[in-house]
Amino acid sequence: MEVTFSALKQKDVINLIDGKHLGKVCDMTFSFPENRVLGFTVTGCKGFRLSKQEIFLPVNAVVKIGEDAVLVKFGKEEKPDGPPPRPDCPPPCPPPCPPHRPNSRRDYGEYE
């Protein structure tokens, strides 16, 4: 998929971790000799849009660039509730195996 920078600047950036709107892409950073895109700068607004906040998003944080928005995973993921595993407990033992029968046929002596 090819996207021009002017088209990318018009897209909203949404964080998939918490669902927040981070802002719009305002700049792109790349390294010149290698011609690699390093990331995007997103300008978001806090409060009543009086103070602007800039966030640098590395390229590996971008999940999908769609028609309307850029989806990213940025920040800490919250861990599920529950007790943490205790490091001093050994892992549970597997269930015992059934006895191995090399041949499933019975001997004639077993019937009498």
Protein backbone atom coordinates (compact mmCIF):
# COMPACT_ATOMS: atom_id res chain seq x y z
CA MET A 1 0.00 0.00 0.00
CA GLU A 2 1.38 3.38 -0.99
CA VAL A 3 0.36 6.49 0.90
CA THR A 4 1.50 10.02 0.19
CA PHE A 5 2.52 12.23 3.08
CA SER A 6 -0.21 14.76 2.29
CA ALA A 7 -2.82 11.96 2.55
CA LEU A 8 -1.21 10.65 5.75
CA LYS A 9 -1.37 14.12 7.36
CA GLN A 10 -5.17 14.11 7.08
CA LYS A 11 -5.64 10.82 8.95
CA ASP A 12 -6.56 10.54 12.62
CA VAL A 13 -4.31 8.42 14.84
CA ILE A 14 -6.13 6.01 17.19
CA ASN A 15 -4.45 4.02 19.97
CA LEU A 16 -5.72 0.43 20.04
CA ILE A 17 -4.67 -0.14 23.66
CA ASP A 18 -6.98 2.41 25.25
CA GLY A 19 -9.07 3.59 22.26
CA LYS A 20 -7.95 7.23 22.59
CA HIS A 21 -7.67 9.65 19.71
CA LEU A 22 -4.01 10.78 19.74
CA GLY A 23 -4.33 13.48 17.09
CA LYS A 24 -3.21 13.78 13.47
CA VAL A 25 0.08 13.00 11.78
CA CYS A 26 2.06 16.24 11.44
CA ASP A 27 5.59 15.09 10.60
CA MET A 28 7.58 12.06 9.50
CA THR A 29 11.14 11.14 10.48
CA PHE A 30 13.37 9.06 8.24
CA SER A 31 17.06 8.25 7.96
CA PHE A 32 18.61 9.52 4.75
CA PRO A 33 21.31 7.12 3.63
CA GLU A 34 19.24 4.04 4.47
CA ASN A 35 15.95 5.56 3.25
CA ARG A 36 14.03 4.06 6.19
CA VAL A 37 11.02 5.64 7.86
CA LEU A 38 11.74 5.81 11.62
CA GLY A 39 8.38 7.10 12.81
CA PHE A 40 5.70 9.77 12.84
CA THR A 41 5.13 12.82 14.98
CA VAL A 42 1.51 13.21 16.04
CA THR A 43 0.13 16.50 17.25
CA GLY A 44 -2.64 15.99 19.76
CA CYS A 45 -4.63 18.46 21.79
CA LYS A 46 -5.13 18.55 25.54
CA GLY A 47 -7.97 20.29 27.29
CA PHE A 48 -9.64 23.04 25.25
CA ARG A 49 -7.18 22.83 22.35
CA LEU A 50 -5.06 25.59 23.83
CA SER A 51 -1.88 23.60 24.41
CA LYS A 52 -0.61 21.19 21.79
CA GLN A 53 1.22 18.01 22.70
CA GLU A 54 3.53 16.18 20.31
CA ILE A 55 4.05 12.41 20.46
CA PHE A 56 6.66 10.50 18.48
CA LEU A 57 5.37 7.11 17.31
CA PRO A 58 7.98 4.64 16.03
CA VAL A 59 7.11 2.78 12.86
CA ASN A 60 6.88 -0.56 14.74
CA ALA A 61 3.96 0.89 16.77
CA VAL A 62 1.84 1.29 13.61
CA VAL A 63 -0.58 -1.63 13.22
CA LYS A 64 -2.63 -0.51 10.21
CA ILE A 65 -2.95 2.49 7.93
CA GLY A 66 -6.54 2.60 6.75
CA GLU A 67 -8.58 4.94 4.58
CA ASP A 68 -9.71 7.12 7.49
CA ALA A 69 -7.27 6.47 10.34
CA VAL A 70 -3.90 5.16 11.44
CA LEU A 71 -4.18 2.47 14.12
CA VAL A 72 -1.27 2.19 16.56
CA LYS A 73 -0.38 0.29 19.72
CA PHE A 74 1.41 2.81 21.91
CA GLY A 75 1.98 2.85 25.65
CA LYS A 76 1.53 0.29 28.39
CA GLU A 77 -0.87 -2.58 27.97
CA GLU A 78 -2.82 -3.28 31.12
CA LYS A 79 -2.46 -6.75 32.54
CA PRO A 80 -5.56 -8.81 33.31
CA ASP A 81 -6.77 -8.97 36.89
CA GLY A 82 -5.85 -11.96 38.98
CA PRO A 83 -3.09 -13.10 41.27
CA PRO A 84 0.39 -13.23 39.76
CA PRO A 85 1.95 -16.68 39.50
CA ARG A 86 4.09 -17.62 42.48
CA PRO A 87 7.71 -18.23 41.48
CA ASP A 88 8.28 -20.81 44.24
CA CYS A 89 5.54 -23.20 43.04
CA PRO A 90 6.54 -25.93 40.60
CA PRO A 91 4.42 -26.37 37.48
CA PRO A 92 1.55 -28.84 37.80
CA CYS A 93 2.31 -32.47 37.01
CA PRO A 94 0.81 -33.98 33.87
CA PRO A 95 -1.83 -36.70 34.35
CA PRO A 96 -0.46 -40.25 34.44
CA CYS A 97 -0.46 -42.16 31.19
CA PRO A 98 -2.75 -45.19 30.81
CA PRO A 99 -0.94 -48.56 30.83
CA HIS A 100 0.49 -49.40 27.47
CA ARG A 101 -0.98 -52.44 25.72
CA PRO A 102 1.13 -53.53 22.81
CA ASN A 103 -1.73 -55.56 21.33
CA SER A 104 -5.41 -54.89 21.95
CA ARG A 105 -6.41 -58.51 21.22
CA ARG A 106 -7.09 -60.84 24.16
CA ASP A 107 -5.56 -64.18 24.70
CA TYR A 108 -7.84 -67.27 24.74
CA GLY A 109 -6.69 -68.00 28.32
CA GLU A 110 -8.32 -64.79 29.57
CA TYR A 111 -11.83 -66.03 28.66
CA GLU A 112 -11.77 -69.06 30.94
